[in-house]
Amino acid sequence: MTDQSKINDYDGIRWTINEINLPANFGTLRMELKAGNRNFSALGNVSSKFVFSEFLGFPLNIFYFTGYGREIGSYHERNQYLGIGIEMQSF
């Protein structure tokens, strides 16, 4: 019988840093790191996400993700993606 992977092999410990102001009005940076907590080897399943906001004064987000768990159904598959979006705010 094989040991089936579980979500806490890839997600269980999270570290988030919000709103780091970048020099020269490049905007702000948000970072998230996560790792599994099922056992000692699960700590090596590290994922990271970086989001640059208000890039050069525009409501533009640029984000990069590498790791596990992009979607709940594929939490055990390693993914990478890069994206660009506009941040909408309501008044």
PDB file of N, CA and C in Angstrom:
ATOM      1  N   MET A   1       0.847  -1.190   0.000  1.00  0.00           N
ATOM      2  CA  MET A   1       0.000   0.000   0.000  1.00  0.00           C
ATOM      3  C   MET A   1       0.885   1.243   0.000  1.00  0.00           C
ATOM      4  N   THR A   2       0.609   2.154  -0.921  1.00  0.00           N
ATOM      5  CA  THR A   2       1.397   3.375  -0.999  1.00  0.00           C
ATOM      6  C   THR A   2       0.799   4.444  -0.099  1.00  0.00           C
ATOM      7  N   ASP A   3       1.647   5.351   0.305  1.00  0.00           N
ATOM      8  CA  ASP A   3       1.209   6.456   1.151  1.00  0.00           C
ATOM      9  C   ASP A   3       0.662   7.567   0.262  1.00  0.00           C
ATOM     10  N   GLN A   4      -0.644   7.767   0.278  1.00  0.00           N
ATOM     11  CA  GLN A   4      -1.274   8.795  -0.550  1.00  0.00           C
ATOM     12  C   GLN A   4      -0.973  10.175   0.016  1.00  0.00           C
ATOM     13  N   SER A   5      -0.659  11.123  -0.884  1.00  0.00           N
ATOM     14  CA  SER A   5      -0.360  12.477  -0.414  1.00  0.00           C
ATOM     15  C   SER A   5      -1.615  13.132   0.146  1.00  0.00           C
ATOM     16  N   LYS A   6      -1.414  14.005   1.091  1.00  0.00           N
ATOM     17  CA  LYS A   6      -2.489  14.756   1.729  1.00  0.00           C
ATOM     18  C   LYS A   6      -2.170  16.236   1.602  1.00  0.00           C
ATOM     19  N   ILE A   7      -3.179  17.072   1.769  1.00  0.00           N
ATOM     20  CA  ILE A   7      -2.974  18.508   1.572  1.00  0.00           C
ATOM     21  C   ILE A   7      -1.953  19.077   2.552  1.00  0.00           C
ATOM     22  N   ASN A   8      -1.859  18.503   3.754  1.00  0.00           N
ATOM     23  CA  ASN A   8      -0.882  19.051   4.694  1.00  0.00           C
ATOM     24  C   ASN A   8       0.548  18.594   4.384  1.00  0.00           C
ATOM     25  N   ASP A   9       0.737  17.841   3.291  1.00  0.00           N
ATOM     26  CA  ASP A   9       2.081  17.624   2.761  1.00  0.00           C
ATOM     27  C   ASP A   9       2.585  18.882   2.052  1.00  0.00           C
ATOM     28  N   TYR A  10       1.659  19.765   1.649  1.00  0.00           N
ATOM     29  CA  TYR A  10       1.995  20.934   0.839  1.00  0.00           C
ATOM     30  C   TYR A  10       1.554  22.259   1.447  1.00  0.00           C
ATOM     31  N   ASP A  11       0.659  22.218   2.413  1.00  0.00           N
ATOM     32  CA  ASP A  11       0.130  23.445   2.997  1.00  0.00           C
ATOM     33  C   ASP A  11      -0.151  23.192   4.470  1.00  0.00           C
ATOM     34  N   GLY A  12       0.305  24.072   5.316  1.00  0.00           N
ATOM     35  CA  GLY A  12       0.078  23.920   6.752  1.00  0.00           C
ATOM     36  C   GLY A  12       0.797  24.996   7.545  1.00  0.00           C
ATOM     37  N   ILE A  13       1.907  25.453   6.991  1.00  0.00           N
ATOM     38  CA  ILE A  13       2.669  26.544   7.612  1.00  0.00           C
ATOM     39  C   ILE A  13       2.714  27.673   6.603  1.00  0.00           C
ATOM     40  N   ARG A  14       2.299  28.865   7.019  1.00  0.00           N
ATOM     41  CA  ARG A  14       2.310  30.030   6.122  1.00  0.00           C
ATOM     42  C   ARG A  14       3.017  31.204   6.789  1.00  0.00           C
ATOM     43  N   TRP A  15       3.717  31.936   5.969  1.00  0.00           N
ATOM     44  CA  TRP A  15       4.391  33.154   6.412  1.00  0.00           C
ATOM     45  C   TRP A  15       4.068  34.220   5.381  1.00  0.00           C
ATOM     46  N   THR A  16       3.454  35.315   5.803  1.00  0.00           N
ATOM     47  CA  THR A  16       3.021  36.370   4.897  1.00  0.00           C
ATOM     48  C   THR A  16       3.624  37.702   5.325  1.00  0.00           C
ATOM     49  N   ILE A  17       4.108  38.433   4.343  1.00  0.00           N
ATOM     50  CA  ILE A  17       4.593  39.795   4.562  1.00  0.00           C
ATOM     51  C   ILE A  17       3.766  40.697   3.651  1.00  0.00           C
ATOM     52  N   ASN A  18       3.098  41.675   4.237  1.00  0.00           N
ATOM     53  CA  ASN A  18       2.260  42.597   3.476  1.00  0.00           C
ATOM     54  C   ASN A  18       2.895  43.972   3.391  1.00  0.00           C
ATOM     55  N   GLU A  19       2.672  44.609   2.260  1.00  0.00           N
ATOM     56  CA  GLU A  19       2.951  46.034   2.089  1.00  0.00           C
ATOM     57  C   GLU A  19       4.394  46.454   2.378  1.00  0.00           C
ATOM     58  N   ILE A  20       5.340  45.874   1.684  1.00  0.00           N
ATOM     59  CA  ILE A  20       6.717  46.359   1.727  1.00  0.00           C
ATOM     60  C   ILE A  20       6.816  47.462   0.681  1.00  0.00           C
ATOM     61  N   ASN A  21       7.109  48.671   1.099  1.00  0.00           N
ATOM     62  CA  ASN A  21       7.237  49.771   0.150  1.00  0.00           C
ATOM     63  C   ASN A  21       8.558  49.660  -0.589  1.00  0.00           C
ATOM     64  N   LEU A  22       8.476  49.666  -1.905  1.00  0.00           N
ATOM     65  CA  LEU A  22       9.667  49.558  -2.729  1.00  0.00           C
ATOM     66  C   LEU A  22      10.250  50.938  -2.996  1.00  0.00           C
ATOM     67  N   PRO A  23      11.541  51.030  -3.222  1.00  0.00           N
ATOM     68  CA  PRO A  23      12.170  52.333  -3.465  1.00  0.00           C
ATOM     69  C   PRO A  23      11.748  52.927  -4.812  1.00  0.00           C
ATOM     70  N   ALA A  24      11.924  54.213  -4.935  1.00  0.00           N
ATOM     71  CA  ALA A  24      11.701  54.969  -6.178  1.00  0.00           C
ATOM     72  C   ALA A  24      10.287  54.830  -6.725  1.00  0.00           C
ATOM     73  N   ASN A  25       9.289  54.782  -5.834  1.00  0.00           N
ATOM     74  CA  ASN A  25       7.878  54.709  -6.231  1.00  0.00           C
ATOM     75  C   ASN A  25       7.554  53.553  -7.161  1.00  0.00           C
ATOM     76  N   PHE A  26       8.209  52.417  -6.976  1.00  0.00           N
ATOM     77  CA  PHE A  26       7.875  51.230  -7.756  1.00  0.00           C
ATOM     78  C   PHE A  26       6.618  50.557  -7.246  1.00  0.00           C
ATOM     79  N   GLY A  27       6.122  50.952  -6.086  1.00  0.00           N
ATOM     80  CA  GLY A  27       4.907  50.376  -5.536  1.00  0.00           C
ATOM     81  C   GLY A  27       5.176  49.606  -4.263  1.00  0.00           C
ATOM     82  N   THR A  28       4.367  48.570  -4.032  1.00  0.00           N
ATOM     83  CA  THR A  28       4.517  47.753  -2.832  1.00  0.00           C
ATOM     84  C   THR A  28       4.651  46.288  -3.230  1.00  0.00           C
ATOM     85  N   LEU A  29       5.185  45.513  -2.308  1.00  0.00           N
ATOM     86  CA  LEU A  29       5.395  44.088  -2.523  1.00  0.00           C
ATOM     87  C   LEU A  29       4.720  43.314  -1.409  1.00  0.00           C
ATOM     88  N   ARG A  30       3.975  42.261  -1.776  1.00  0.00           N
ATOM     89  CA  ARG A  30       3.423  41.311  -0.813  1.00  0.00           C
ATOM     90  C   ARG A  30       4.023  39.941  -1.127  1.00  0.00           C
ATOM     91  N   MET A  31       4.373  39.198  -0.073  1.00  0.00           N
ATOM     92  CA  MET A  31       4.968  37.883  -0.257  1.00  0.00           C
ATOM     93  C   MET A  31       4.262  36.866   0.626  1.00  0.00           C
ATOM     94  N   GLU A  32       4.136  35.656   0.128  1.00  0.00           N
ATOM     95  CA  GLU A  32       3.602  34.552   0.924  1.00  0.00           C
ATOM     96  C   GLU A  32       4.442  33.314   0.655  1.00  0.00           C
ATOM     97  N   LEU A  33       4.875  32.686   1.723  1.00  0.00           N
ATOM     98  CA  LEU A  33       5.577  31.403   1.644  1.00  0.00           C
ATOM     99  C   LEU A  33       4.761  30.385   2.411  1.00  0.00           C
ATOM    100  N   LYS A  34       4.677  29.171   1.885  1.00  0.00           N
ATOM    101  CA  LYS A  34       3.975  28.121   2.615  1.00  0.00           C
ATOM    102  C   LYS A  34       4.702  26.800   2.416  1.00  0.00           C
ATOM    103  N   ALA A  35       4.537  25.921   3.382  1.00  0.00           N
ATOM    104  CA  ALA A  35       5.144  24.594   3.344  1.00  0.00           C
ATOM    105  C   ALA A  35       4.215  23.615   4.040  1.00  0.00           C
ATOM    106  N   GLY A  36       4.474  22.358   3.813  1.00  0.00           N
ATOM    107  CA  GLY A  36       3.685  21.321   4.464  1.00  0.00           C
ATOM    108  C   GLY A  36       4.095  21.138   5.913  1.00  0.00           C
ATOM    109  N   ASN A  37       3.214  20.511   6.683  1.00  0.00           N
ATOM    110  CA  ASN A  37       3.521  20.260   8.096  1.00  0.00           C
ATOM    111  C   ASN A  37       3.173  18.833   8.518  1.00  0.00           C
ATOM    112  N   ARG A  38       2.965  17.945   7.570  1.00  0.00           N
ATOM    113  CA  ARG A  38       2.588  16.569   7.905  1.00  0.00           C
ATOM    114  C   ARG A  38       3.740  15.816   8.564  1.00  0.00           C
ATOM    115  N   ASN A  39       4.954  16.010   8.042  1.00  0.00           N
ATOM    116  CA  ASN A  39       6.143  15.396   8.614  1.00  0.00           C
ATOM    117  C   ASN A  39       7.357  16.233   8.217  1.00  0.00           C
ATOM    118  N   PHE A  40       8.525  15.802   8.622  1.00  0.00           N
ATOM    119  CA  PHE A  40       9.719  16.606   8.381  1.00  0.00           C
ATOM    120  C   PHE A  40       9.994  16.800   6.890  1.00  0.00           C
ATOM    121  N   SER A  41       9.788  15.780   6.076  1.00  0.00           N
ATOM    122  CA  SER A  41      10.054  15.923   4.643  1.00  0.00           C
ATOM    123  C   SER A  41       9.058  16.870   3.966  1.00  0.00           C
ATOM    124  N   ALA A  42       7.867  17.040   4.532  1.00  0.00           N
ATOM    125  CA  ALA A  42       6.874  17.957   3.960  1.00  0.00           C
ATOM    126  C   ALA A  42       7.326  19.410   4.045  1.00  0.00           C
ATOM    127  N   LEU A  43       8.245  19.718   4.951  1.00  0.00           N
ATOM    128  CA  LEU A  43       8.774  21.085   5.040  1.00  0.00           C
ATOM    129  C   LEU A  43       9.506  21.487   3.764  1.00  0.00           C
ATOM    130  N   GLY A  44       9.946  20.517   2.975  1.00  0.00           N
ATOM    131  CA  GLY A  44      10.626  20.803   1.716  1.00  0.00           C
ATOM    132  C   GLY A  44       9.698  21.153   0.575  1.00  0.00           C
ATOM    133  N   ASN A  45       8.386  20.991   0.756  1.00  0.00           N
ATOM    134  CA  ASN A  45       7.399  21.337  -0.271  1.00  0.00           C
ATOM    135  C   ASN A  45       7.023  22.807  -0.122  1.00  0.00           C
ATOM    136  N   VAL A  46       7.912  23.667  -0.549  1.00  0.00           N
ATOM    137  CA  VAL A  46       7.745  25.109  -0.352  1.00  0.00           C
ATOM    138  C   VAL A  46       7.094  25.742  -1.576  1.00  0.00           C
ATOM    139  N   SER A  47       6.129  26.619  -1.330  1.00  0.00           N
ATOM    140  CA  SER A  47       5.486  27.413  -2.375  1.00  0.00           C
ATOM    141  C   SER A  47       5.674  28.885  -2.037  1.00  0.00           C
ATOM    142  N   SER A  48       5.734  29.723  -3.067  1.00  0.00           N
ATOM    143  CA  SER A  48       5.885  31.157  -2.822  1.00  0.00           C
ATOM    144  C   SER A  48       5.058  31.942  -3.828  1.00  0.00           C
ATOM    145  N   LYS A  49       4.577  33.088  -3.368  1.00  0.00           N
ATOM    146  CA  LYS A  49       3.811  34.000  -4.218  1.00  0.00           C
ATOM    147  C   LYS A  49       4.301  35.416  -3.946  1.00  0.00           C
ATOM    148  N   PHE A  50       4.554  36.158  -5.007  1.00  0.00           N
ATOM    149  CA  PHE A  50       5.014  37.539  -4.920  1.00  0.00           C
ATOM    150  C   PHE A  50       4.055  38.411  -5.719  1.00  0.00           C
ATOM    151  N   VAL A  51       3.563  39.485  -5.114  1.00  0.00           N
ATOM    152  CA  VAL A  51       2.635  40.392  -5.780  1.00  0.00           C
ATOM    153  C   VAL A  51       3.184  41.810  -5.683  1.00  0.00           C
ATOM    154  N   PHE A  52       3.417  42.429  -6.828  1.00  0.00           N
ATOM    155  CA  PHE A  52       3.804  43.836  -6.888  1.00  0.00           C
ATOM    156  C   PHE A  52       2.532  44.638  -7.153  1.00  0.00           C
ATOM    157  N   SER A  53       2.200  45.574  -6.249  1.00  0.00           N
ATOM    158  CA  SER A  53       0.975  46.369  -6.368  1.00  0.00           C
ATOM    159  C   SER A  53       1.308  47.828  -6.598  1.00  0.00           C
ATOM    160  N   GLU A  54       0.344  48.528  -7.159  1.00  0.00           N
ATOM    161  CA  GLU A  54       0.506  49.957  -7.459  1.00  0.00           C
ATOM    162  C   GLU A  54       1.815  50.188  -8.205  1.00  0.00           C
ATOM    163  N   PHE A  55       2.060  49.342  -9.183  1.00  0.00           N
ATOM    164  CA  PHE A  55       3.307  49.371  -9.931  1.00  0.00           C
ATOM    165  C   PHE A  55       3.432  50.672 -10.710  1.00  0.00           C
ATOM    166  N   LEU A  56       4.450  51.436 -10.402  1.00  0.00           N
ATOM    167  CA  LEU A  56       4.750  52.724 -11.029  1.00  0.00           C
ATOM    168  C   LEU A  56       3.578  53.697 -10.965  1.00  0.00           C
ATOM    169  N   GLY A  57       2.798  53.641  -9.872  1.00  0.00           N
ATOM    170  CA  GLY A  57       1.712  54.579  -9.654  1.00  0.00           C
ATOM    171  C   GLY A  57       0.388  54.183 -10.278  1.00  0.00           C
ATOM    172  N   PHE A  58       0.324  53.075 -10.979  1.00  0.00           N
ATOM    173  CA  PHE A  58      -0.913  52.596 -11.587  1.00  0.00           C
ATOM    174  C   PHE A  58      -1.528  51.514 -10.697  1.00  0.00           C
ATOM    175  N   PRO A  59      -2.861  51.319 -10.747  1.00  0.00           N
ATOM    176  CA  PRO A  59      -3.480  50.245  -9.950  1.00  0.00           C
ATOM    177  C   PRO A  59      -3.247  48.880 -10.606  1.00  0.00           C
ATOM    178  N   LEU A  60      -2.001  48.596 -10.899  1.00  0.00           N
ATOM    179  CA  LEU A  60      -1.608  47.401 -11.628  1.00  0.00           C
ATOM    180  C   LEU A  60      -0.938  46.414 -10.692  1.00  0.00           C
ATOM    181  N   ASN A  61      -1.346  45.164 -10.757  1.00  0.00           N
ATOM    182  CA  ASN A  61      -0.719  44.091  -9.986  1.00  0.00           C
ATOM    183  C   ASN A  61       0.035  43.178 -10.935  1.00  0.00           C
ATOM    184  N   ILE A  62       1.233  42.827 -10.566  1.00  0.00           N
ATOM    185  CA  ILE A  62       2.014  41.828 -11.275  1.00  0.00           C
ATOM    186  C   ILE A  62       2.326  40.751 -10.261  1.00  0.00           C
ATOM    187  N   PHE A  63       2.000  39.504 -10.567  1.00  0.00           N
ATOM    188  CA  PHE A  63       2.206  38.465  -9.564  1.00  0.00           C
ATOM    189  C   PHE A  63       2.879  37.246 -10.178  1.00  0.00           C
ATOM    190  N   TYR A  64       3.603  36.520  -9.309  1.00  0.00           N
ATOM    191  CA  TYR A  64       4.302  35.299  -9.695  1.00  0.00           C
ATOM    192  C   TYR A  64       4.103  34.268  -8.601  1.00  0.00           C
ATOM    193  N   PHE A  65       3.777  33.045  -9.003  1.00  0.00           N
ATOM    194  CA  PHE A  65       3.589  31.943  -8.072  1.00  0.00           C
ATOM    195  C   PHE A  65       4.424  30.770  -8.542  1.00  0.00           C
ATOM    196  N   THR A  66       5.084  30.114  -7.609  1.00  0.00           N
ATOM    197  CA  THR A  66       5.764  28.861  -7.888  1.00  0.00           C
ATOM    198  C   THR A  66       5.558  27.934  -6.697  1.00  0.00           C
ATOM    199  N   GLY A  67       5.148  26.724  -6.973  1.00  0.00           N
ATOM    200  CA  GLY A  67       4.949  25.778  -5.882  1.00  0.00           C
ATOM    201  C   GLY A  67       3.733  24.907  -6.078  1.00  0.00           C
ATOM    202  N   TYR A  68       3.166  24.508  -4.968  1.00  0.00           N
ATOM    203  CA  TYR A  68       2.062  23.556  -4.944  1.00  0.00           C
ATOM    204  C   TYR A  68       0.773  24.261  -4.546  1.00  0.00           C
ATOM    205  N   GLY A  69      -0.355  23.741  -5.030  1.00  0.00           N
ATOM    206  CA  GLY A  69      -1.643  24.204  -4.534  1.00  0.00           C
ATOM    207  C   GLY A  69      -2.226  25.407  -5.220  1.00  0.00           C
ATOM    208  N   ARG A  70      -1.985  25.560  -6.495  1.00  0.00           N
ATOM    209  CA  ARG A  70      -2.625  26.672  -7.191  1.00  0.00           C
ATOM    210  C   ARG A  70      -4.141  26.539  -7.096  1.00  0.00           C
ATOM    211  N   GLU A  71      -4.653  25.357  -7.327  1.00  0.00           N
ATOM    212  CA  GLU A  71      -6.066  25.050  -7.120  1.00  0.00           C
ATOM    213  C   GLU A  71      -6.163  23.902  -6.130  1.00  0.00           C
ATOM    214  N   ILE A  72      -7.274  23.803  -5.434  1.00  0.00           N
ATOM    215  CA  ILE A  72      -7.438  22.760  -4.417  1.00  0.00           C
ATOM    216  C   ILE A  72      -7.390  21.361  -5.034  1.00  0.00           C
ATOM    217  N   GLY A  73      -7.857  21.208  -6.250  1.00  0.00           N
ATOM    218  CA  GLY A  73      -7.860  19.897  -6.888  1.00  0.00           C
ATOM    219  C   GLY A  73      -6.495  19.431  -7.359  1.00  0.00           C
ATOM    220  N   SER A  74      -5.541  20.324  -7.446  1.00  0.00           N
ATOM    221  CA  SER A  74      -4.192  19.961  -7.902  1.00  0.00           C
ATOM    222  C   SER A  74      -3.143  20.363  -6.872  1.00  0.00           C
ATOM    223  N   TYR A  75      -3.494  20.261  -5.596  1.00  0.00           N
ATOM    224  CA  TYR A  75      -2.581  20.715  -4.541  1.00  0.00           C
ATOM    225  C   TYR A  75      -1.252  19.974  -4.544  1.00  0.00           C
ATOM    226  N   HIS A  76      -1.211  18.781  -5.095  1.00  0.00           N
ATOM    227  CA  HIS A  76      -0.007  17.958  -5.086  1.00  0.00           C
ATOM    228  C   HIS A  76       0.857  18.140  -6.342  1.00  0.00           C
ATOM    229  N   GLU A  77       0.416  18.968  -7.293  1.00  0.00           N
ATOM    230  CA  GLU A  77       1.166  19.202  -8.527  1.00  0.00           C
ATOM    231  C   GLU A  77       1.902  20.531  -8.442  1.00  0.00           C
ATOM    232  N   ARG A  78       3.158  20.524  -8.853  1.00  0.00           N
ATOM    233  CA  ARG A  78       3.963  21.754  -8.832  1.00  0.00           C
ATOM    234  C   ARG A  78       3.567  22.605 -10.033  1.00  0.00           C
ATOM    235  N   ASN A  79       3.313  23.896  -9.794  1.00  0.00           N
ATOM    236  CA  ASN A  79       2.885  24.837 -10.824  1.00  0.00           C
ATOM    237  C   ASN A  79       3.730  26.101 -10.761  1.00  0.00           C
ATOM    238  N   GLN A  80       3.734  26.818 -11.857  1.00  0.00           N
ATOM    239  CA  GLN A  80       4.300  28.161 -11.914  1.00  0.00           C
ATOM    240  C   GLN A  80       3.370  28.993 -12.778  1.00  0.00           C
ATOM    241  N   TYR A  81       3.134  30.229 -12.371  1.00  0.00           N
ATOM    242  CA  TYR A  81       2.380  31.122 -13.230  1.00  0.00           C
ATOM    243  C   TYR A  81       2.754  32.564 -12.945  1.00  0.00           C
ATOM    244  N   LEU A  82       2.573  33.377 -13.963  1.00  0.00           N
ATOM    245  CA  LEU A  82       2.845  34.806 -13.929  1.00  0.00           C
ATOM    246  C   LEU A  82       1.583  35.489 -14.415  1.00  0.00           C
ATOM    247  N   GLY A  83       1.188  36.570 -13.768  1.00  0.00           N
ATOM    248  CA  GLY A  83      -0.025  37.251 -14.161  1.00  0.00           C
ATOM    249  C   GLY A  83       0.054  38.752 -13.993  1.00  0.00           C
ATOM    250  N   ILE A  84      -0.842  39.425 -14.668  1.00  0.00           N
ATOM    251  CA  ILE A  84      -0.973  40.881 -14.593  1.00  0.00           C
ATOM    252  C   ILE A  84      -2.452  41.180 -14.431  1.00  0.00           C
ATOM    253  N   GLY A  85      -2.778  42.101 -13.547  1.00  0.00           N
ATOM    254  CA  GLY A  85      -4.176  42.458 -13.325  1.00  0.00           C
ATOM    255  C   GLY A  85      -4.319  43.893 -12.863  1.00  0.00           C
ATOM    256  N   ILE A  86      -5.516  44.382 -12.937  1.00  0.00           N
ATOM    257  CA  ILE A  86      -5.844  45.724 -12.454  1.00  0.00           C
ATOM    258  C   ILE A  86      -6.614  45.560 -11.156  1.00  0.00           C
ATOM    259  N   GLU A  87      -6.213  46.294 -10.136  1.00  0.00           N
ATOM    260  CA  GLU A  87      -6.871  46.215  -8.846  1.00  0.00           C
ATOM    261  C   GLU A  87      -8.006  47.232  -8.802  1.00  0.00           C
ATOM    262  N   MET A  88      -9.217  46.727  -8.607  1.00  0.00           N
ATOM    263  CA  MET A  88     -10.408  47.573  -8.554  1.00  0.00           C
ATOM    264  C   MET A  88     -10.771  47.842  -7.106  1.00  0.00           C
ATOM    265  N   GLN A  89     -11.123  49.060  -6.783  1.00  0.00           N
ATOM    266  CA  GLN A  89     -11.534  49.424  -5.442  1.00  0.00           C
ATOM    267  C   GLN A  89     -12.906  50.078  -5.510  1.00  0.00           C
ATOM    268  N   SER A  90     -13.737  49.760  -4.516  1.00  0.00           N
ATOM    269  CA  SER A  90     -15.048  50.409  -4.452  1.00  0.00           C
ATOM    270  C   SER A  90     -14.980  51.584  -3.479  1.00  0.00           C
ATOM    271  N   PHE A  91     -15.773  52.596  -3.738  1.00  0.00           N
ATOM    272  CA  PHE A  91     -15.777  53.799  -2.902  1.00  0.00           C
ATOM    273  C   PHE A  91     -17.060  53.921  -2.151  1.00  0.00           C
TER     274      PHE A  91
END
